Amino acid sequence: MAAKPTPQVIDLYRRARSLQRRGADRQTCHAAERDCDRMLGLRLWDFSVSDDFMFDSDEPPDYLLKRGTNAGAGWHHVRSLREQLQGADRELRR
């Protein structure tokens, strides 16, 4: 993904977050989250930018680092995408 998220991805991200806040059913929220992830080039086995529990600290969870895979790098990549989207969302709210 480029340094700045596209307007379409930002719209999808904001829609997914809005559905979560309003308490939409799980299937509807998940579909919106996956649409955003797909537009970002994330695959089914990647973390989602909407996985709040995965990004509640500044480092990947220990179990990811112990797996001996590239999961830690994937975590950092998705976290970067998430931060870009959150920043763009804040800008739009101003």
PDB file of N, CA and C in Angstrom:
ATOM      1  N   MET A   1       0.836  -1.180   0.000  1.00  0.00           N
ATOM      2  CA  MET A   1       0.000   0.000   0.000  1.00  0.00           C
ATOM      3  C   MET A   1       0.880   1.241   0.000  1.00  0.00           C
ATOM      4  N   ALA A   2       0.451   2.268  -0.689  1.00  0.00           N
ATOM      5  CA  ALA A   2       1.197   3.515  -0.753  1.00  0.00           C
ATOM      6  C   ALA A   2       1.201   4.192   0.617  1.00  0.00           C
ATOM      7  N   ALA A   3       1.986   5.271   0.717  1.00  0.00           N
ATOM      8  CA  ALA A   3       2.120   5.974   1.993  1.00  0.00           C
ATOM      9  C   ALA A   3       0.783   6.522   2.482  1.00  0.00           C
ATOM     10  N   LYS A   4      -0.077   6.907   1.566  1.00  0.00           N
ATOM     11  CA  LYS A   4      -1.398   7.419   1.959  1.00  0.00           C
ATOM     12  C   LYS A   4      -2.472   6.456   1.474  1.00  0.00           C
ATOM     13  N   PRO A   5      -3.369   6.074   2.376  1.00  0.00           N
ATOM     14  CA  PRO A   5      -4.468   5.188   1.953  1.00  0.00           C
ATOM     15  C   PRO A   5      -5.372   5.886   0.926  1.00  0.00           C
ATOM     16  N   THR A   6      -5.917   5.108   0.036  1.00  0.00           N
ATOM     17  CA  THR A   6      -6.825   5.679  -0.964  1.00  0.00           C
ATOM     18  C   THR A   6      -8.142   6.059  -0.298  1.00  0.00           C
ATOM     19  N   PRO A   7      -8.873   6.991  -0.886  1.00  0.00           N
ATOM     20  CA  PRO A   7     -10.174   7.370  -0.331  1.00  0.00           C
ATOM     21  C   PRO A   7     -11.138   6.176  -0.216  1.00  0.00           C
ATOM     22  N   GLN A   8     -11.077   5.264  -1.161  1.00  0.00           N
ATOM     23  CA  GLN A   8     -11.958   4.102  -1.127  1.00  0.00           C
ATOM     24  C   GLN A   8     -11.646   3.209   0.081  1.00  0.00           C
ATOM     25  N   VAL A   9     -10.371   2.988   0.360  1.00  0.00           N
ATOM     26  CA  VAL A   9      -9.985   2.165   1.512  1.00  0.00           C
ATOM     27  C   VAL A   9     -10.389   2.865   2.803  1.00  0.00           C
ATOM     28  N   ILE A  10     -10.183   4.169   2.865  1.00  0.00           N
ATOM     29  CA  ILE A  10     -10.572   4.918   4.066  1.00  0.00           C
ATOM     30  C   ILE A  10     -12.074   4.807   4.287  1.00  0.00           C
ATOM     31  N   ASP A  11     -12.859   4.925   3.228  1.00  0.00           N
ATOM     32  CA  ASP A  11     -14.311   4.774   3.351  1.00  0.00           C
ATOM     33  C   ASP A  11     -14.688   3.390   3.871  1.00  0.00           C
ATOM     34  N   LEU A  12     -14.044   2.363   3.347  1.00  0.00           N
ATOM     35  CA  LEU A  12     -14.330   0.998   3.817  1.00  0.00           C
ATOM     36  C   LEU A  12     -13.962   0.836   5.285  1.00  0.00           C
ATOM     37  N   TYR A  13     -12.823   1.373   5.674  1.00  0.00           N
ATOM     38  CA  TYR A  13     -12.379   1.307   7.068  1.00  0.00           C
ATOM     39  C   TYR A  13     -13.376   2.025   7.977  1.00  0.00           C
ATOM     40  N   ARG A  14     -13.786   3.213   7.585  1.00  0.00           N
ATOM     41  CA  ARG A  14     -14.729   3.987   8.400  1.00  0.00           C
ATOM     42  C   ARG A  14     -16.078   3.285   8.485  1.00  0.00           C
ATOM     43  N   ARG A  15     -16.502   2.660   7.399  1.00  0.00           N
ATOM     44  CA  ARG A  15     -17.771   1.924   7.406  1.00  0.00           C
ATOM     45  C   ARG A  15     -17.693   0.749   8.378  1.00  0.00           C
ATOM     46  N   ALA A  16     -16.596  -0.002   8.333  1.00  0.00           N
ATOM     47  CA  ALA A  16     -16.433  -1.148   9.228  1.00  0.00           C
ATOM     48  C   ALA A  16     -16.446  -0.696  10.685  1.00  0.00           C
ATOM     49  N   ARG A  17     -15.737   0.397  10.979  1.00  0.00           N
ATOM     50  CA  ARG A  17     -15.703   0.910  12.354  1.00  0.00           C
ATOM     51  C   ARG A  17     -17.076   1.402  12.796  1.00  0.00           C
ATOM     52  N   SER A  18     -17.785   2.044  11.898  1.00  0.00           N
ATOM     53  CA  SER A  18     -19.130   2.536  12.220  1.00  0.00           C
ATOM     54  C   SER A  18     -20.073   1.372  12.542  1.00  0.00           C
ATOM     55  N   LEU A  19     -19.996   0.312  11.750  1.00  0.00           N
ATOM     56  CA  LEU A  19     -20.831  -0.861  12.007  1.00  0.00           C
ATOM     57  C   LEU A  19     -20.514  -1.467  13.371  1.00  0.00           C
ATOM     58  N   GLN A  20     -19.240  -1.509  13.720  1.00  0.00           N
ATOM     59  CA  GLN A  20     -18.847  -2.046  15.026  1.00  0.00           C
ATOM     60  C   GLN A  20     -19.418  -1.192  16.155  1.00  0.00           C
ATOM     61  N   ARG A  21     -19.274   0.116  16.030  1.00  0.00           N
ATOM     62  CA  ARG A  21     -19.772   1.026  17.075  1.00  0.00           C
ATOM     63  C   ARG A  21     -21.282   0.935  17.242  1.00  0.00           C
ATOM     64  N   ARG A  22     -21.987   0.765  16.131  1.00  0.00           N
ATOM     65  CA  ARG A  22     -23.449   0.696  16.192  1.00  0.00           C
ATOM     66  C   ARG A  22     -23.950  -0.672  16.627  1.00  0.00           C
ATOM     67  N   GLY A  23     -23.045  -1.631  16.754  1.00  0.00           N
ATOM     68  CA  GLY A  23     -23.438  -2.960  17.215  1.00  0.00           C
ATOM     69  C   GLY A  23     -24.117  -3.804  16.145  1.00  0.00           C
ATOM     70  N   ALA A  24     -23.694  -3.634  14.901  1.00  0.00           N
ATOM     71  CA  ALA A  24     -24.243  -4.449  13.812  1.00  0.00           C
ATOM     72  C   ALA A  24     -23.911  -5.915  14.077  1.00  0.00           C
ATOM     73  N   ASP A  25     -24.644  -6.794  13.440  1.00  0.00           N
ATOM     74  CA  ASP A  25     -24.398  -8.226  13.652  1.00  0.00           C
ATOM     75  C   ASP A  25     -22.991  -8.605  13.193  1.00  0.00           C
ATOM     76  N   ARG A  26     -22.506  -9.678  13.748  1.00  0.00           N
ATOM     77  CA  ARG A  26     -21.122 -10.112  13.542  1.00  0.00           C
ATOM     78  C   ARG A  26     -20.792 -10.343  12.065  1.00  0.00           C
ATOM     79  N   GLN A  27     -21.706 -10.962  11.332  1.00  0.00           N
ATOM     80  CA  GLN A  27     -21.463 -11.248   9.912  1.00  0.00           C
ATOM     81  C   GLN A  27     -21.288  -9.967   9.104  1.00  0.00           C
ATOM     82  N   THR A  28     -22.129  -8.986   9.368  1.00  0.00           N
ATOM     83  CA  THR A  28     -22.064  -7.720   8.649  1.00  0.00           C
ATOM     84  C   THR A  28     -20.756  -6.999   8.945  1.00  0.00           C
ATOM     85  N   CYS A  29     -20.373  -6.960  10.223  1.00  0.00           N
ATOM     86  CA  CYS A  29     -19.099  -6.332  10.614  1.00  0.00           C
ATOM     87  C   CYS A  29     -17.922  -7.050   9.965  1.00  0.00           C
ATOM     88  N   HIS A  30     -17.942  -8.358  10.028  1.00  0.00           N
ATOM     89  CA  HIS A  30     -16.830  -9.135   9.479  1.00  0.00           C
ATOM     90  C   HIS A  30     -16.700  -8.917   7.969  1.00  0.00           C
ATOM     91  N   ALA A  31     -17.817  -8.873   7.271  1.00  0.00           N
ATOM     92  CA  ALA A  31     -17.776  -8.655   5.821  1.00  0.00           C
ATOM     93  C   ALA A  31     -17.172  -7.289   5.496  1.00  0.00           C
ATOM     94  N   ALA A  32     -17.546  -6.268   6.248  1.00  0.00           N
ATOM     95  CA  ALA A  32     -17.003  -4.928   6.014  1.00  0.00           C
ATOM     96  C   ALA A  32     -15.502  -4.890   6.322  1.00  0.00           C
ATOM     97  N   GLU A  33     -15.096  -5.551   7.389  1.00  0.00           N
ATOM     98  CA  GLU A  33     -13.676  -5.612   7.747  1.00  0.00           C
ATOM     99  C   GLU A  33     -12.875  -6.319   6.656  1.00  0.00           C
ATOM    100  N   ARG A  34     -13.385  -7.430   6.158  1.00  0.00           N
ATOM    101  CA  ARG A  34     -12.673  -8.192   5.128  1.00  0.00           C
ATOM    102  C   ARG A  34     -12.598  -7.404   3.829  1.00  0.00           C
ATOM    103  N   ASP A  35     -13.652  -6.639   3.485  1.00  0.00           N
ATOM    104  CA  ASP A  35     -13.607  -5.798   2.283  1.00  0.00           C
ATOM    105  C   ASP A  35     -12.445  -4.805   2.381  1.00  0.00           C
ATOM    106  N   CYS A  36     -12.306  -4.187   3.536  1.00  0.00           N
ATOM    107  CA  CYS A  36     -11.213  -3.236   3.752  1.00  0.00           C
ATOM    108  C   CYS A  36      -9.865  -3.947   3.646  1.00  0.00           C
ATOM    109  N   ASP A  37      -9.742  -5.083   4.312  1.00  0.00           N
ATOM    110  CA  ASP A  37      -8.491  -5.847   4.270  1.00  0.00           C
ATOM    111  C   ASP A  37      -8.112  -6.237   2.844  1.00  0.00           C
ATOM    112  N   ARG A  38      -9.089  -6.691   2.056  1.00  0.00           N
ATOM    113  CA  ARG A  38      -8.805  -7.089   0.673  1.00  0.00           C
ATOM    114  C   ARG A  38      -8.308  -5.910  -0.146  1.00  0.00           C
ATOM    115  N   MET A  39      -8.915  -4.727   0.072  1.00  0.00           N
ATOM    116  CA  MET A  39      -8.474  -3.538  -0.670  1.00  0.00           C
ATOM    117  C   MET A  39      -7.043  -3.143  -0.290  1.00  0.00           C
ATOM    118  N   LEU A  40      -6.631  -3.519   0.906  1.00  0.00           N
ATOM    119  CA  LEU A  40      -5.270  -3.250   1.359  1.00  0.00           C
ATOM    120  C   LEU A  40      -4.286  -4.320   0.899  1.00  0.00           C
ATOM    121  N   GLY A  41      -4.805  -5.356   0.251  1.00  0.00           N
ATOM    122  CA  GLY A  41      -3.946  -6.437  -0.216  1.00  0.00           C
ATOM    123  C   GLY A  41      -3.677  -7.499   0.833  1.00  0.00           C
ATOM    124  N   LEU A  42      -4.397  -7.447   1.952  1.00  0.00           N
ATOM    125  CA  LEU A  42      -4.219  -8.459   2.998  1.00  0.00           C
ATOM    126  C   LEU A  42      -4.966  -9.723   2.604  1.00  0.00           C
ATOM    127  N   ARG A  43      -4.392 -10.854   2.949  1.00  0.00           N
ATOM    128  CA  ARG A  43      -4.993 -12.142   2.605  1.00  0.00           C
ATOM    129  C   ARG A  43      -5.735 -12.713   3.806  1.00  0.00           C
ATOM    130  N   LEU A  44      -6.465 -13.774   3.588  1.00  0.00           N
ATOM    131  CA  LEU A  44      -7.273 -14.372   4.657  1.00  0.00           C
ATOM    132  C   LEU A  44      -6.459 -14.727   5.890  1.00  0.00           C
ATOM    133  N   TRP A  45      -5.226 -15.169   5.706  1.00  0.00           N
ATOM    134  CA  TRP A  45      -4.423 -15.605   6.841  1.00  0.00           C
ATOM    135  C   TRP A  45      -3.632 -14.457   7.485  1.00  0.00           C
ATOM    136  N   ASP A  46      -3.697 -13.260   6.906  1.00  0.00           N
ATOM    137  CA  ASP A  46      -3.048 -12.104   7.513  1.00  0.00           C
ATOM    138  C   ASP A  46      -3.912 -11.572   8.659  1.00  0.00           C
ATOM    139  N   PHE A  47      -3.296 -10.774   9.505  1.00  0.00           N
ATOM    140  CA  PHE A  47      -4.066 -10.079  10.536  1.00  0.00           C
ATOM    141  C   PHE A  47      -4.954  -9.052   9.855  1.00  0.00           C
ATOM    142  N   SER A  48      -6.020  -8.675  10.513  1.00  0.00           N
ATOM    143  CA  SER A  48      -6.913  -7.645   9.994  1.00  0.00           C
ATOM    144  C   SER A  48      -6.578  -6.311  10.645  1.00  0.00           C
ATOM    145  N   VAL A  49      -6.729  -5.227   9.902  1.00  0.00           N
ATOM    146  CA  VAL A  49      -6.538  -3.904  10.490  1.00  0.00           C
ATOM    147  C   VAL A  49      -7.590  -3.640  11.559  1.00  0.00           C
ATOM    148  N   SER A  50      -8.630  -4.430  11.597  1.00  0.00           N
ATOM    149  CA  SER A  50      -9.709  -4.263  12.572  1.00  0.00           C
ATOM    150  C   SER A  50      -9.529  -5.110  13.831  1.00  0.00           C
ATOM    151  N   ASP A  51      -8.477  -5.909  13.889  1.00  0.00           N
ATOM    152  CA  ASP A  51      -8.242  -6.769  15.057  1.00  0.00           C
ATOM    153  C   ASP A  51      -7.674  -5.954  16.216  1.00  0.00           C
ATOM    154  N   ASP A  52      -8.534  -5.255  16.940  1.00  0.00           N
ATOM    155  CA  ASP A  52      -8.096  -4.386  18.024  1.00  0.00           C
ATOM    156  C   ASP A  52      -7.230  -5.112  19.047  1.00  0.00           C
ATOM    157  N   PHE A  53      -7.601  -6.318  19.393  1.00  0.00           N
ATOM    158  CA  PHE A  53      -6.885  -7.070  20.425  1.00  0.00           C
ATOM    159  C   PHE A  53      -5.436  -7.377  20.019  1.00  0.00           C
ATOM    160  N   MET A  54      -5.148  -7.399  18.736  1.00  0.00           N
ATOM    161  CA  MET A  54      -3.785  -7.694  18.275  1.00  0.00           C
ATOM    162  C   MET A  54      -2.858  -6.490  18.404  1.00  0.00           C
ATOM    163  N   PHE A  55      -3.437  -5.304  18.524  1.00  0.00           N
ATOM    164  CA  PHE A  55      -2.634  -4.086  18.469  1.00  0.00           C
ATOM    165  C   PHE A  55      -2.769  -3.229  19.725  1.00  0.00           C
ATOM    166  N   ASP A  56      -2.987  -3.880  20.864  1.00  0.00           N
ATOM    167  CA  ASP A  56      -3.127  -3.119  22.105  1.00  0.00           C
ATOM    168  C   ASP A  56      -1.785  -2.892  22.807  1.00  0.00           C
ATOM    169  N   SER A  57      -0.692  -3.279  22.173  1.00  0.00           N
ATOM    170  CA  SER A  57       0.637  -2.973  22.702  1.00  0.00           C
ATOM    171  C   SER A  57       1.533  -2.544  21.538  1.00  0.00           C
ATOM    172  N   ASP A  58       2.741  -2.121  21.877  1.00  0.00           N
ATOM    173  CA  ASP A  58       3.659  -1.618  20.851  1.00  0.00           C
ATOM    174  C   ASP A  58       4.475  -2.705  20.161  1.00  0.00           C
ATOM    175  N   GLU A  59       4.343  -3.918  20.619  1.00  0.00           N
ATOM    176  CA  GLU A  59       5.088  -5.042  20.046  1.00  0.00           C
ATOM    177  C   GLU A  59       4.129  -6.197  19.775  1.00  0.00           C
ATOM    178  N   PRO A  60       4.488  -7.060  18.828  1.00  0.00           N
ATOM    179  CA  PRO A  60       3.628  -8.225  18.562  1.00  0.00           C
ATOM    180  C   PRO A  60       3.559  -9.129  19.796  1.00  0.00           C
ATOM    181  N   PRO A  61       2.479  -9.869  19.939  1.00  0.00           N
ATOM    182  CA  PRO A  61       2.376 -10.808  21.054  1.00  0.00           C
ATOM    183  C   PRO A  61       3.544 -11.805  21.016  1.00  0.00           C
ATOM    184  N   ASP A  62       3.994 -12.216  22.177  1.00  0.00           N
ATOM    185  CA  ASP A  62       5.135 -13.135  22.289  1.00  0.00           C
ATOM    186  C   ASP A  62       4.954 -14.407  21.474  1.00  0.00           C
ATOM    187  N   TYR A  63       3.724 -14.944  21.463  1.00  0.00           N
ATOM    188  CA  TYR A  63       3.528 -16.212  20.767  1.00  0.00           C
ATOM    189  C   TYR A  63       3.811 -16.098  19.268  1.00  0.00           C
ATOM    190  N   LEU A  64       3.660 -14.895  18.698  1.00  0.00           N
ATOM    191  CA  LEU A  64       3.982 -14.722  17.275  1.00  0.00           C
ATOM    192  C   LEU A  64       5.481 -14.786  17.041  1.00  0.00           C
ATOM    193  N   LEU A  65       6.221 -14.222  17.946  1.00  0.00           N
ATOM    194  CA  LEU A  65       7.674 -14.196  17.794  1.00  0.00           C
ATOM    195  C   LEU A  65       8.285 -15.567  18.010  1.00  0.00           C
ATOM    196  N   LYS A  66       7.632 -16.395  18.811  1.00  0.00           N
ATOM    197  CA  LYS A  66       8.145 -17.735  19.102  1.00  0.00           C
ATOM    198  C   LYS A  66       7.867 -18.730  17.982  1.00  0.00           C
ATOM    199  N   ARG A  67       6.987 -18.375  17.077  1.00  0.00           N
ATOM    200  CA  ARG A  67       6.613 -19.315  16.017  1.00  0.00           C
ATOM    201  C   ARG A  67       7.720 -19.523  14.994  1.00  0.00           C
ATOM    202  N   GLY A  68       8.706 -18.656  14.998  1.00  0.00           N
ATOM    203  CA  GLY A  68       9.821 -18.814  14.065  1.00  0.00           C
ATOM    204  C   GLY A  68       9.430 -18.527  12.624  1.00  0.00           C
ATOM    205  N   THR A  69       8.334 -17.842  12.428  1.00  0.00           N
ATOM    206  CA  THR A  69       7.901 -17.492  11.073  1.00  0.00           C
ATOM    207  C   THR A  69       8.063 -15.997  10.885  1.00  0.00           C
ATOM    208  N   ASN A  70       7.520 -15.496   9.840  1.00  0.00           N
ATOM    209  CA  ASN A  70       7.557 -14.073   9.541  1.00  0.00           C
ATOM    210  C   ASN A  70       6.349 -13.356  10.140  1.00  0.00           C
ATOM    211  N   ALA A  71       5.693 -13.958  11.124  1.00  0.00           N
ATOM    212  CA  ALA A  71       4.471 -13.398  11.695  1.00  0.00           C
ATOM    213  C   ALA A  71       4.725 -12.045  12.352  1.00  0.00           C
ATOM    214  N   GLY A  72       5.877 -11.879  12.970  1.00  0.00           N
ATOM    215  CA  GLY A  72       6.196 -10.593  13.589  1.00  0.00           C
ATOM    216  C   GLY A  72       6.269  -9.477  12.569  1.00  0.00           C
ATOM    217  N   ALA A  73       6.890  -9.740  11.435  1.00  0.00           N
ATOM    218  CA  ALA A  73       6.971  -8.739  10.367  1.00  0.00           C
ATOM    219  C   ALA A  73       5.582  -8.443   9.814  1.00  0.00           C
ATOM    220  N   GLY A  74       4.755  -9.472   9.692  1.00  0.00           N
ATOM    221  CA  GLY A  74       3.379  -9.271   9.232  1.00  0.00           C
ATOM    222  C   GLY A  74       2.596  -8.398  10.190  1.00  0.00           C
ATOM    223  N   TRP A  75       2.821  -8.613  11.481  1.00  0.00           N
ATOM    224  CA  TRP A  75       2.151  -7.811  12.502  1.00  0.00           C
ATOM    225  C   TRP A  75       2.527  -6.341  12.339  1.00  0.00           C
ATOM    226  N   HIS A  76       3.824  -6.083  12.162  1.00  0.00           N
ATOM    227  CA  HIS A  76       4.285  -4.699  12.010  1.00  0.00           C
ATOM    228  C   HIS A  76       3.713  -4.066  10.737  1.00  0.00           C
ATOM    229  N   HIS A  77       3.631  -4.840   9.662  1.00  0.00           N
ATOM    230  CA  HIS A  77       3.065  -4.329   8.404  1.00  0.00           C
ATOM    231  C   HIS A  77       1.597  -3.929   8.590  1.00  0.00           C
ATOM    232  N   VAL A  78       0.818  -4.806   9.187  1.00  0.00           N
ATOM    233  CA  VAL A  78      -0.611  -4.513   9.369  1.00  0.00           C
ATOM    234  C   VAL A  78      -0.787  -3.369  10.358  1.00  0.00           C
ATOM    235  N   ARG A  79       0.044  -3.313  11.374  1.00  0.00           N
ATOM    236  CA  ARG A  79      -0.056  -2.211  12.328  1.00  0.00           C
ATOM    237  C   ARG A  79       0.217  -0.884  11.626  1.00  0.00           C
ATOM    238  N   SER A  80       1.189  -0.856  10.735  1.00  0.00           N
ATOM    239  CA  SER A  80       1.484   0.354   9.979  1.00  0.00           C
ATOM    240  C   SER A  80       0.282   0.772   9.126  1.00  0.00           C
ATOM    241  N   LEU A  81      -0.332  -0.191   8.455  1.00  0.00           N
ATOM    242  CA  LEU A  81      -1.530   0.106   7.654  1.00  0.00           C
ATOM    243  C   LEU A  81      -2.640   0.659   8.541  1.00  0.00           C
ATOM    244  N   ARG A  82      -2.827   0.033   9.682  1.00  0.00           N
ATOM    245  CA  ARG A  82      -3.864   0.456  10.634  1.00  0.00           C
ATOM    246  C   ARG A  82      -3.609   1.894  11.100  1.00  0.00           C
ATOM    247  N   GLU A  83      -2.369   2.211  11.423  1.00  0.00           N
ATOM    248  CA  GLU A  83      -2.038   3.561  11.875  1.00  0.00           C
ATOM    249  C   GLU A  83      -2.280   4.588  10.768  1.00  0.00           C
ATOM    250  N   GLN A  84      -1.977   4.230   9.534  1.00  0.00           N
ATOM    251  CA  GLN A  84      -2.249   5.128   8.411  1.00  0.00           C
ATOM    252  C   GLN A  84      -3.743   5.393   8.283  1.00  0.00           C
ATOM    253  N   LEU A  85      -4.536   4.334   8.406  1.00  0.00           N
ATOM    254  CA  LEU A  85      -5.993   4.490   8.304  1.00  0.00           C
ATOM    255  C   LEU A  85      -6.544   5.309   9.460  1.00  0.00           C
ATOM    256  N   GLN A  86      -6.060   5.061  10.656  1.00  0.00           N
ATOM    257  CA  GLN A  86      -6.521   5.833  11.806  1.00  0.00           C
ATOM    258  C   GLN A  86      -6.165   7.303  11.645  1.00  0.00           C
ATOM    259  N   GLY A  87      -4.974   7.586  11.140  1.00  0.00           N
ATOM    260  CA  GLY A  87      -4.571   8.963  10.903  1.00  0.00           C
ATOM    261  C   GLY A  87      -5.432   9.642   9.852  1.00  0.00           C
ATOM    262  N   ALA A  88      -5.706   8.935   8.781  1.00  0.00           N
ATOM    263  CA  ALA A  88      -6.568   9.483   7.722  1.00  0.00           C
ATOM    264  C   ALA A  88      -7.981   9.724   8.233  1.00  0.00           C
ATOM    265  N   ASP A  89      -8.462   8.807   9.064  1.00  0.00           N
ATOM    266  CA  ASP A  89      -9.804   8.953   9.653  1.00  0.00           C
ATOM    267  C   ASP A  89      -9.847  10.196  10.551  1.00  0.00           C
ATOM    268  N   ARG A  90      -8.814  10.409  11.363  1.00  0.00           N
ATOM    269  CA  ARG A  90      -8.759  11.600  12.225  1.00  0.00           C
ATOM    270  C   ARG A  90      -8.752  12.866  11.380  1.00  0.00           C
ATOM    271  N   GLU A  91      -7.993  12.845  10.288  1.00  0.00           N
ATOM    272  CA  GLU A  91      -7.937  14.015   9.410  1.00  0.00           C
ATOM    273  C   GLU A  91      -9.311  14.347   8.831  1.00  0.00           C
ATOM    274  N   LEU A  92     -10.046  13.323   8.429  1.00  0.00           N
ATOM    275  CA  LEU A  92     -11.372  13.549   7.856  1.00  0.00           C
ATOM    276  C   LEU A  92     -12.370  14.083   8.881  1.00  0.00           C
ATOM    277  N   ARG A  93     -12.155  13.738  10.132  1.00  0.00           N
ATOM    278  CA  ARG A  93     -13.079  14.234  11.172  1.00  0.00           C
ATOM    279  C   ARG A  93     -12.834  15.679  11.534  1.00  0.00           C
ATOM    280  N   ARG A  94     -11.670  16.230  11.193  1.00  0.00           N
ATOM    281  CA  ARG A  94     -11.378  17.628  11.528  1.00  0.00           C
ATOM    282  C   ARG A  94     -12.177  18.584  10.706  1.00  0.00           C
TER     283      ARG A  94
END
